[in-house]
Amino acid sequence: MNALTGDIKCVLFDFDGTLIDSRPALVGAYRAAFEEVLGRSFPELENDPQRLLTPRVAEVCRDIAGDRADECVEAYDRHYRAETYRLATLYPGVEEMLAALHELGIRTGIVTNKGRARTEKDLDWLGIAPDSMAAIICAEDTVERKPHPAPVALGIETAGFTPDQVVYVGDGPQDARSGRASGARTVSVLYGYYPEDLLAEAGADATASSPADLTRILTGTPPA
């Protein structure tokens, strides 16, 4: 199903794998952290996005570094913010999508499990003005993380809307589940970091194959 019913006042987005392709930045930060702390990289992990990109940083570091996990987390964060953030890019069509939504008077925001310092670094690098967003909710802002509804619910509240006025968009099953549990409508994007079968199980209201497809869904524009 690829149509949304009802009025849309605000669209909240997951960040990595949805608005930005941060895979090179994330992989680069892990590589630098593992080489610094453990003296070696793990090239086999770099080709396994499900193991490297979708868990939280602390979980990956705990899995690889054991009792040196805290050192790896600190090194990862430092390398990301110092250098590898420059490898992140907007997905093609995202800039145009945000402009189309703003032109229609639809507010936008971000709800991510990513830490605020790295999120703000990305926004600055990619030219997205924080004050253009109705809400930016990061890992530090709620005790619970997605798939718990708390992050999306806080995004809805911060943006000043009710759940029925909001759509939440993400590339992972936790995004669809968090959005649905918060009362928002949901869209899963198929171009991110998660396989389509996992997204199907999460049961979003619609799916989008590209940012251009997502733009059509959110604006109600028929395919060309």
C-alpha atoms as a PDB file:
ATOM      1  CA  MET A   1       0.000   0.000   0.000  1.00  0.00           C
ATOM      2  CA  ASN A   2       1.573   3.270  -1.109  1.00  0.00           C
ATOM      3  CA  ALA A   3      -0.987   5.955  -0.352  1.00  0.00           C
ATOM      4  CA  LEU A   4      -1.591   7.902   2.834  1.00  0.00           C
ATOM      5  CA  THR A   5      -5.029   9.145   3.795  1.00  0.00           C
ATOM      6  CA  GLY A   6      -5.809  12.278   5.766  1.00  0.00           C
ATOM      7  CA  ASP A   7      -4.178  15.662   6.071  1.00  0.00           C
ATOM      8  CA  ILE A   8      -0.423  15.827   6.689  1.00  0.00           C
ATOM      9  CA  LYS A   9       0.848  18.776   8.723  1.00  0.00           C
ATOM     10  CA  CYS A  10       4.276  17.473   9.690  1.00  0.00           C
ATOM     11  CA  VAL A  11       6.702  14.790   8.519  1.00  0.00           C
ATOM     12  CA  LEU A  12       9.291  13.482  10.960  1.00  0.00           C
ATOM     13  CA  PHE A  13      12.240  11.565   9.550  1.00  0.00           C
ATOM     14  CA  ASP A  14      14.749   9.078  10.814  1.00  0.00           C
ATOM     15  CA  PHE A  15      18.189  10.353   9.839  1.00  0.00           C
ATOM     16  CA  ASP A  16      20.794   7.741   8.831  1.00  0.00           C
ATOM     17  CA  GLY A  17      19.569   5.556   5.989  1.00  0.00           C
ATOM     18  CA  THR A  18      16.569   7.836   5.419  1.00  0.00           C
ATOM     19  CA  LEU A  19      17.742  11.399   4.771  1.00  0.00           C
ATOM     20  CA  ILE A  20      21.482  10.777   4.663  1.00  0.00           C
ATOM     21  CA  ASP A  21      23.728   8.010   3.393  1.00  0.00           C
ATOM     22  CA  SER A  22      26.201   7.873   6.246  1.00  0.00           C
ATOM     23  CA  ARG A  23      27.510   4.369   5.576  1.00  0.00           C
ATOM     24  CA  PRO A  24      31.011   5.536   4.476  1.00  0.00           C
ATOM     25  CA  ALA A  25      31.216   7.858   7.493  1.00  0.00           C
ATOM     26  CA  LEU A  26      30.128   5.171   9.950  1.00  0.00           C
ATOM     27  CA  VAL A  27      32.416   2.503   8.501  1.00  0.00           C
ATOM     28  CA  GLY A  28      35.333   4.940   8.480  1.00  0.00           C
ATOM     29  CA  ALA A  29      34.792   5.851  12.127  1.00  0.00           C
ATOM     30  CA  TYR A  30      34.611   2.197  13.175  1.00  0.00           C
ATOM     31  CA  ARG A  31      37.754   1.386  11.194  1.00  0.00           C
ATOM     32  CA  ALA A  32      39.696   4.232  12.798  1.00  0.00           C
ATOM     33  CA  ALA A  33      38.430   3.358  16.282  1.00  0.00           C
ATOM     34  CA  PHE A  34      39.259  -0.337  16.012  1.00  0.00           C
ATOM     35  CA  GLU A  35      42.717   0.391  14.618  1.00  0.00           C
ATOM     36  CA  GLU A  36      43.407   2.888  17.403  1.00  0.00           C
ATOM     37  CA  VAL A  37      42.141   0.783  20.306  1.00  0.00           C
ATOM     38  CA  LEU A  38      42.626  -2.804  19.106  1.00  0.00           C
ATOM     39  CA  GLY A  39      45.448  -2.365  16.623  1.00  0.00           C
ATOM     40  CA  ARG A  40      43.526  -3.805  13.672  1.00  0.00           C
ATOM     41  CA  SER A  41      40.498  -3.267  11.504  1.00  0.00           C
ATOM     42  CA  PHE A  42      37.741  -5.757  10.762  1.00  0.00           C
ATOM     43  CA  PRO A  43      37.201  -5.678   6.980  1.00  0.00           C
ATOM     44  CA  GLU A  44      34.742  -8.564   7.153  1.00  0.00           C
ATOM     45  CA  LEU A  45      32.390  -6.330   9.136  1.00  0.00           C
ATOM     46  CA  GLU A  46      32.577  -3.499   6.635  1.00  0.00           C
ATOM     47  CA  ASN A  47      30.651  -5.604   4.118  1.00  0.00           C
ATOM     48  CA  ASP A  48      28.012  -6.649   6.652  1.00  0.00           C
ATOM     49  CA  PRO A  49      25.716  -3.641   7.167  1.00  0.00           C
ATOM     50  CA  GLN A  50      23.304  -5.592   9.347  1.00  0.00           C
ATOM     51  CA  ARG A  51      26.079  -6.204  11.859  1.00  0.00           C
ATOM     52  CA  LEU A  52      27.899  -2.897  11.594  1.00  0.00           C
ATOM     53  CA  LEU A  53      25.380  -0.212  10.658  1.00  0.00           C
ATOM     54  CA  THR A  54      22.067  -1.110  12.242  1.00  0.00           C
ATOM     55  CA  PRO A  55      22.978  -1.800  15.911  1.00  0.00           C
ATOM     56  CA  ARG A  56      23.882   1.018  18.253  1.00  0.00           C
ATOM     57  CA  VAL A  57      27.531   2.017  18.451  1.00  0.00           C
ATOM     58  CA  ALA A  58      27.879   0.718  22.011  1.00  0.00           C
ATOM     59  CA  GLU A  59      26.530  -2.680  20.961  1.00  0.00           C
ATOM     60  CA  VAL A  60      28.944  -2.991  18.038  1.00  0.00           C
ATOM     61  CA  CYS A  61      31.901  -1.972  20.197  1.00  0.00           C
ATOM     62  CA  ARG A  62      30.894  -4.353  22.969  1.00  0.00           C
ATOM     63  CA  ASP A  63      30.650  -7.188  20.449  1.00  0.00           C
ATOM     64  CA  ILE A  64      34.056  -6.482  18.909  1.00  0.00           C
ATOM     65  CA  ALA A  65      36.104  -4.959  21.724  1.00  0.00           C
ATOM     66  CA  GLY A  66      34.731  -6.644  24.851  1.00  0.00           C
ATOM     67  CA  ASP A  67      36.072  -4.962  27.966  1.00  0.00           C
ATOM     68  CA  ARG A  68      37.597  -2.186  25.830  1.00  0.00           C
ATOM     69  CA  ALA A  69      34.203  -1.234  24.427  1.00  0.00           C
ATOM     70  CA  ASP A  70      34.081   2.135  26.190  1.00  0.00           C
ATOM     71  CA  GLU A  71      37.415   3.107  24.638  1.00  0.00           C
ATOM     72  CA  CYS A  72      36.101   2.135  21.216  1.00  0.00           C
ATOM     73  CA  VAL A  73      32.915   4.166  21.659  1.00  0.00           C
ATOM     74  CA  GLU A  74      34.936   7.231  22.644  1.00  0.00           C
ATOM     75  CA  ALA A  75      37.335   6.766  19.723  1.00  0.00           C
ATOM     76  CA  TYR A  76      34.458   6.204  17.280  1.00  0.00           C
ATOM     77  CA  ASP A  77      32.714   9.390  18.352  1.00  0.00           C
ATOM     78  CA  ARG A  78      35.942  11.384  18.202  1.00  0.00           C
ATOM     79  CA  HIS A  79      36.924  10.167  14.732  1.00  0.00           C
ATOM     80  CA  TYR A  80      33.406  10.671  13.381  1.00  0.00           C
ATOM     81  CA  ARG A  81      33.153  14.258  14.566  1.00  0.00           C
ATOM     82  CA  ALA A  82      36.750  15.109  13.609  1.00  0.00           C
ATOM     83  CA  GLU A  83      36.943  13.633  10.138  1.00  0.00           C
ATOM     84  CA  THR A  84      34.688  10.881   8.820  1.00  0.00           C
ATOM     85  CA  TYR A  85      31.463  12.934   8.971  1.00  0.00           C
ATOM     86  CA  ARG A  86      32.678  14.455   5.696  1.00  0.00           C
ATOM     87  CA  LEU A  87      31.892  11.151   3.966  1.00  0.00           C
ATOM     88  CA  ALA A  88      28.149  11.449   4.676  1.00  0.00           C
ATOM     89  CA  THR A  89      25.905  12.673   1.856  1.00  0.00           C
ATOM     90  CA  LEU A  90      22.247  13.446   1.336  1.00  0.00           C
ATOM     91  CA  TYR A  91      20.479  10.795  -0.685  1.00  0.00           C
ATOM     92  CA  PRO A  92      19.733  12.101  -4.197  1.00  0.00           C
ATOM     93  CA  GLY A  93      16.333  13.767  -4.153  1.00  0.00           C
ATOM     94  CA  VAL A  94      16.224  14.525  -0.421  1.00  0.00           C
ATOM     95  CA  GLU A  95      16.970  18.227  -0.817  1.00  0.00           C
ATOM     96  CA  GLU A  96      14.191  18.538  -3.387  1.00  0.00           C
ATOM     97  CA  MET A  97      11.813  16.563  -1.176  1.00  0.00           C
ATOM     98  CA  LEU A  98      12.365  18.833   1.825  1.00  0.00           C
ATOM     99  CA  ALA A  99      11.882  21.895  -0.375  1.00  0.00           C
ATOM    100  CA  ALA A 100       8.630  20.488  -1.786  1.00  0.00           C
ATOM    101  CA  LEU A 101       7.264  19.811   1.694  1.00  0.00           C
ATOM    102  CA  HIS A 102       8.195  23.269   2.944  1.00  0.00           C
ATOM    103  CA  GLU A 103       6.610  24.851  -0.133  1.00  0.00           C
ATOM    104  CA  LEU A 104       3.340  23.122   0.777  1.00  0.00           C
ATOM    105  CA  GLY A 105       3.582  24.380   4.360  1.00  0.00           C
ATOM    106  CA  ILE A 106       4.328  20.913   5.749  1.00  0.00           C
ATOM    107  CA  ARG A 107       6.756  21.101   8.666  1.00  0.00           C
ATOM    108  CA  THR A 108       9.627  18.645   8.926  1.00  0.00           C
ATOM    109  CA  GLY A 109      11.739  17.254  11.734  1.00  0.00           C
ATOM    110  CA  ILE A 110      14.192  14.528  12.697  1.00  0.00           C
ATOM    111  CA  VAL A 111      13.830  11.732  15.241  1.00  0.00           C
ATOM    112  CA  THR A 112      16.989   9.627  15.454  1.00  0.00           C
ATOM    113  CA  ASN A 113      18.698   7.201  17.809  1.00  0.00           C
ATOM    114  CA  LYS A 114      21.961   8.966  16.905  1.00  0.00           C
ATOM    115  CA  GLY A 115      23.707  11.157  19.458  1.00  0.00           C
ATOM    116  CA  ARG A 116      23.140  14.906  19.250  1.00  0.00           C
ATOM    117  CA  ALA A 117      26.766  15.933  18.710  1.00  0.00           C
ATOM    118  CA  ARG A 118      27.134  13.715  15.633  1.00  0.00           C
ATOM    119  CA  THR A 119      23.682  14.666  14.344  1.00  0.00           C
ATOM    120  CA  GLU A 120      24.476  18.377  14.594  1.00  0.00           C
ATOM    121  CA  LYS A 121      27.830  17.789  12.883  1.00  0.00           C
ATOM    122  CA  ASP A 122      26.038  16.070  10.000  1.00  0.00           C
ATOM    123  CA  LEU A 123      23.410  18.795   9.691  1.00  0.00           C
ATOM    124  CA  ASP A 124      26.056  21.498   9.528  1.00  0.00           C
ATOM    125  CA  TRP A 125      28.137  19.562   6.982  1.00  0.00           C
ATOM    126  CA  LEU A 126      25.134  18.844   4.765  1.00  0.00           C
ATOM    127  CA  GLY A 127      23.723  22.359   4.918  1.00  0.00           C
ATOM    128  CA  ILE A 128      20.489  21.575   6.754  1.00  0.00           C
ATOM    129  CA  ALA A 129      19.657  24.476   9.066  1.00  0.00           C
ATOM    130  CA  PRO A 130      18.447  23.218  12.461  1.00  0.00           C
ATOM    131  CA  ASP A 131      15.983  26.106  12.680  1.00  0.00           C
ATOM    132  CA  SER A 132      14.295  24.814   9.519  1.00  0.00           C
ATOM    133  CA  MET A 133      13.188  21.778  11.523  1.00  0.00           C
ATOM    134  CA  ALA A 134      10.168  21.722  13.818  1.00  0.00           C
ATOM    135  CA  ALA A 135      11.895  19.163  16.048  1.00  0.00           C
ATOM    136  CA  ILE A 136      15.259  17.413  16.286  1.00  0.00           C
ATOM    137  CA  ILE A 137      15.069  14.515  18.738  1.00  0.00           C
ATOM    138  CA  CYS A 138      18.302  12.615  19.429  1.00  0.00           C
ATOM    139  CA  ALA A 139      19.427   9.706  21.592  1.00  0.00           C
ATOM    140  CA  GLU A 140      19.925  11.831  24.706  1.00  0.00           C
ATOM    141  CA  ASP A 141      16.386  13.214  24.686  1.00  0.00           C
ATOM    142  CA  THR A 142      14.498  10.117  25.860  1.00  0.00           C
ATOM    143  CA  VAL A 143      15.309   7.235  28.175  1.00  0.00           C
ATOM    144  CA  GLU A 144      13.807   4.758  25.725  1.00  0.00           C
ATOM    145  CA  ARG A 145      14.955   4.417  22.128  1.00  0.00           C
ATOM    146  CA  LYS A 146      13.044   3.352  19.030  1.00  0.00           C
ATOM    147  CA  PRO A 147      11.140   1.007  18.621  1.00  0.00           C
ATOM    148  CA  HIS A 148       9.661   2.445  21.836  1.00  0.00           C
ATOM    149  CA  PRO A 149       7.163   5.202  20.942  1.00  0.00           C
ATOM    150  CA  ALA A 150       8.782   7.778  23.250  1.00  0.00           C
ATOM    151  CA  PRO A 151      11.187   9.378  20.719  1.00  0.00           C
ATOM    152  CA  VAL A 152       8.549   9.857  18.014  1.00  0.00           C
ATOM    153  CA  ALA A 153       5.974  10.964  20.590  1.00  0.00           C
ATOM    154  CA  LEU A 154       8.421  13.599  21.849  1.00  0.00           C
ATOM    155  CA  GLY A 155       9.041  14.705  18.264  1.00  0.00           C
ATOM    156  CA  ILE A 156       5.312  15.133  17.690  1.00  0.00           C
ATOM    157  CA  GLU A 157       4.918  17.089  20.929  1.00  0.00           C
ATOM    158  CA  THR A 158       7.968  19.281  20.262  1.00  0.00           C
ATOM    159  CA  ALA A 159       6.773  20.067  16.744  1.00  0.00           C
ATOM    160  CA  GLY A 160       3.406  21.126  18.151  1.00  0.00           C
ATOM    161  CA  PHE A 161       1.129  18.681  16.369  1.00  0.00           C
ATOM    162  CA  THR A 162      -1.142  15.775  17.230  1.00  0.00           C
ATOM    163  CA  PRO A 163      -0.279  12.221  16.141  1.00  0.00           C
ATOM    164  CA  ASP A 164      -3.001  12.123  13.487  1.00  0.00           C
ATOM    165  CA  GLN A 165      -1.368  15.112  11.741  1.00  0.00           C
ATOM    166  CA  VAL A 166       2.077  13.509  11.539  1.00  0.00           C
ATOM    167  CA  VAL A 167       3.861  10.967   9.330  1.00  0.00           C
ATOM    168  CA  TYR A 168       7.037   9.264  10.527  1.00  0.00           C
ATOM    169  CA  VAL A 169       9.475   8.018   7.878  1.00  0.00           C
ATOM    170  CA  GLY A 170      12.367   5.610   8.419  1.00  0.00           C
ATOM    171  CA  ASP A 171      14.428   2.831   6.901  1.00  0.00           C
ATOM    172  CA  GLY A 172      14.197   0.334   9.757  1.00  0.00           C
ATOM    173  CA  PRO A 173      11.509  -1.834  11.338  1.00  0.00           C
ATOM    174  CA  GLN A 174      12.059  -0.014  14.627  1.00  0.00           C
ATOM    175  CA  ASP A 175      11.035   3.219  12.889  1.00  0.00           C
ATOM    176  CA  ALA A 176       7.713   1.854  11.662  1.00  0.00           C
ATOM    177  CA  ARG A 177       6.974   0.322  15.059  1.00  0.00           C
ATOM    178  CA  SER A 178       7.876   3.479  16.974  1.00  0.00           C
ATOM    179  CA  GLY A 179       5.803   5.651  14.661  1.00  0.00           C
ATOM    180  CA  ARG A 180       2.761   3.388  14.748  1.00  0.00           C
ATOM    181  CA  ALA A 181       2.919   3.072  18.533  1.00  0.00           C
ATOM    182  CA  SER A 182       3.018   6.867  18.838  1.00  0.00           C
ATOM    183  CA  GLY A 183      -0.154   7.183  16.755  1.00  0.00           C
ATOM    184  CA  ALA A 184       1.494   8.614  13.632  1.00  0.00           C
ATOM    185  CA  ARG A 185       1.162   7.279  10.115  1.00  0.00           C
ATOM    186  CA  THR A 186       4.327   5.604   8.870  1.00  0.00           C
ATOM    187  CA  VAL A 187       6.361   5.147   5.705  1.00  0.00           C
ATOM    188  CA  SER A 188       9.248   2.688   5.341  1.00  0.00           C
ATOM    189  CA  VAL A 189      11.918   3.572   2.786  1.00  0.00           C
ATOM    190  CA  LEU A 190      13.478   0.689   0.887  1.00  0.00           C
ATOM    191  CA  TYR A 191      16.751   2.409  -0.064  1.00  0.00           C
ATOM    192  CA  GLY A 192      18.300   2.432   3.430  1.00  0.00           C
ATOM    193  CA  TYR A 193      20.158  -0.107   5.542  1.00  0.00           C
ATOM    194  CA  TYR A 194      17.490  -2.740   6.271  1.00  0.00           C
ATOM    195  CA  PRO A 195      16.240  -5.622   4.095  1.00  0.00           C
ATOM    196  CA  GLU A 196      12.755  -5.402   2.672  1.00  0.00           C
ATOM    197  CA  ASP A 197      11.483  -8.524   4.455  1.00  0.00           C
ATOM    198  CA  LEU A 198      12.133  -6.984   7.877  1.00  0.00           C
ATOM    199  CA  LEU A 199      10.339  -3.825   6.826  1.00  0.00           C
ATOM    200  CA  ALA A 200       7.347  -5.809   5.578  1.00  0.00           C
ATOM    201  CA  GLU A 201       7.002  -7.453   8.983  1.00  0.00           C
ATOM    202  CA  ALA A 202       6.896  -4.033  10.674  1.00  0.00           C
ATOM    203  CA  GLY A 203       3.795  -3.084   8.683  1.00  0.00           C
ATOM    204  CA  ALA A 204       4.233   0.576   7.739  1.00  0.00           C
ATOM    205  CA  ASP A 205       1.295   2.316   6.089  1.00  0.00           C
ATOM    206  CA  ALA A 206       3.298   2.839   2.883  1.00  0.00           C
ATOM    207  CA  THR A 207       6.703   2.076   1.388  1.00  0.00           C
ATOM    208  CA  ALA A 208       8.922   4.250  -0.805  1.00  0.00           C
ATOM    209  CA  SER A 209      11.602   3.003  -3.172  1.00  0.00           C
ATOM    210  CA  SER A 210      13.430   6.338  -3.470  1.00  0.00           C
ATOM    211  CA  PRO A 211      13.291   9.912  -2.168  1.00  0.00           C
ATOM    212  CA  ALA A 212      11.406  10.862  -5.346  1.00  0.00           C
ATOM    213  CA  ASP A 213       8.845   8.137  -4.634  1.00  0.00           C
ATOM    214  CA  LEU A 214       8.654   9.314  -1.022  1.00  0.00           C
ATOM    215  CA  THR A 215       8.012  12.873  -2.210  1.00  0.00           C
ATOM    216  CA  ARG A 216       5.059  11.668  -4.286  1.00  0.00           C
ATOM    217  CA  ILE A 217       3.615   9.766  -1.330  1.00  0.00           C
ATOM    218  CA  LEU A 218       3.966  12.670   1.099  1.00  0.00           C
ATOM    219  CA  THR A 219       2.691  15.354  -1.267  1.00  0.00           C
ATOM    220  CA  GLY A 220      -0.040  13.288  -2.895  1.00  0.00           C
ATOM    221  CA  THR A 221       1.488  13.784  -6.328  1.00  0.00           C
ATOM    222  CA  PRO A 222       0.707  11.042  -8.869  1.00  0.00           C
ATOM    223  CA  PRO A 223       3.630   9.271 -10.583  1.00  0.00           C
ATOM    224  CA  ALA A 224       4.909  10.969 -13.729  1.00  0.00           C
END
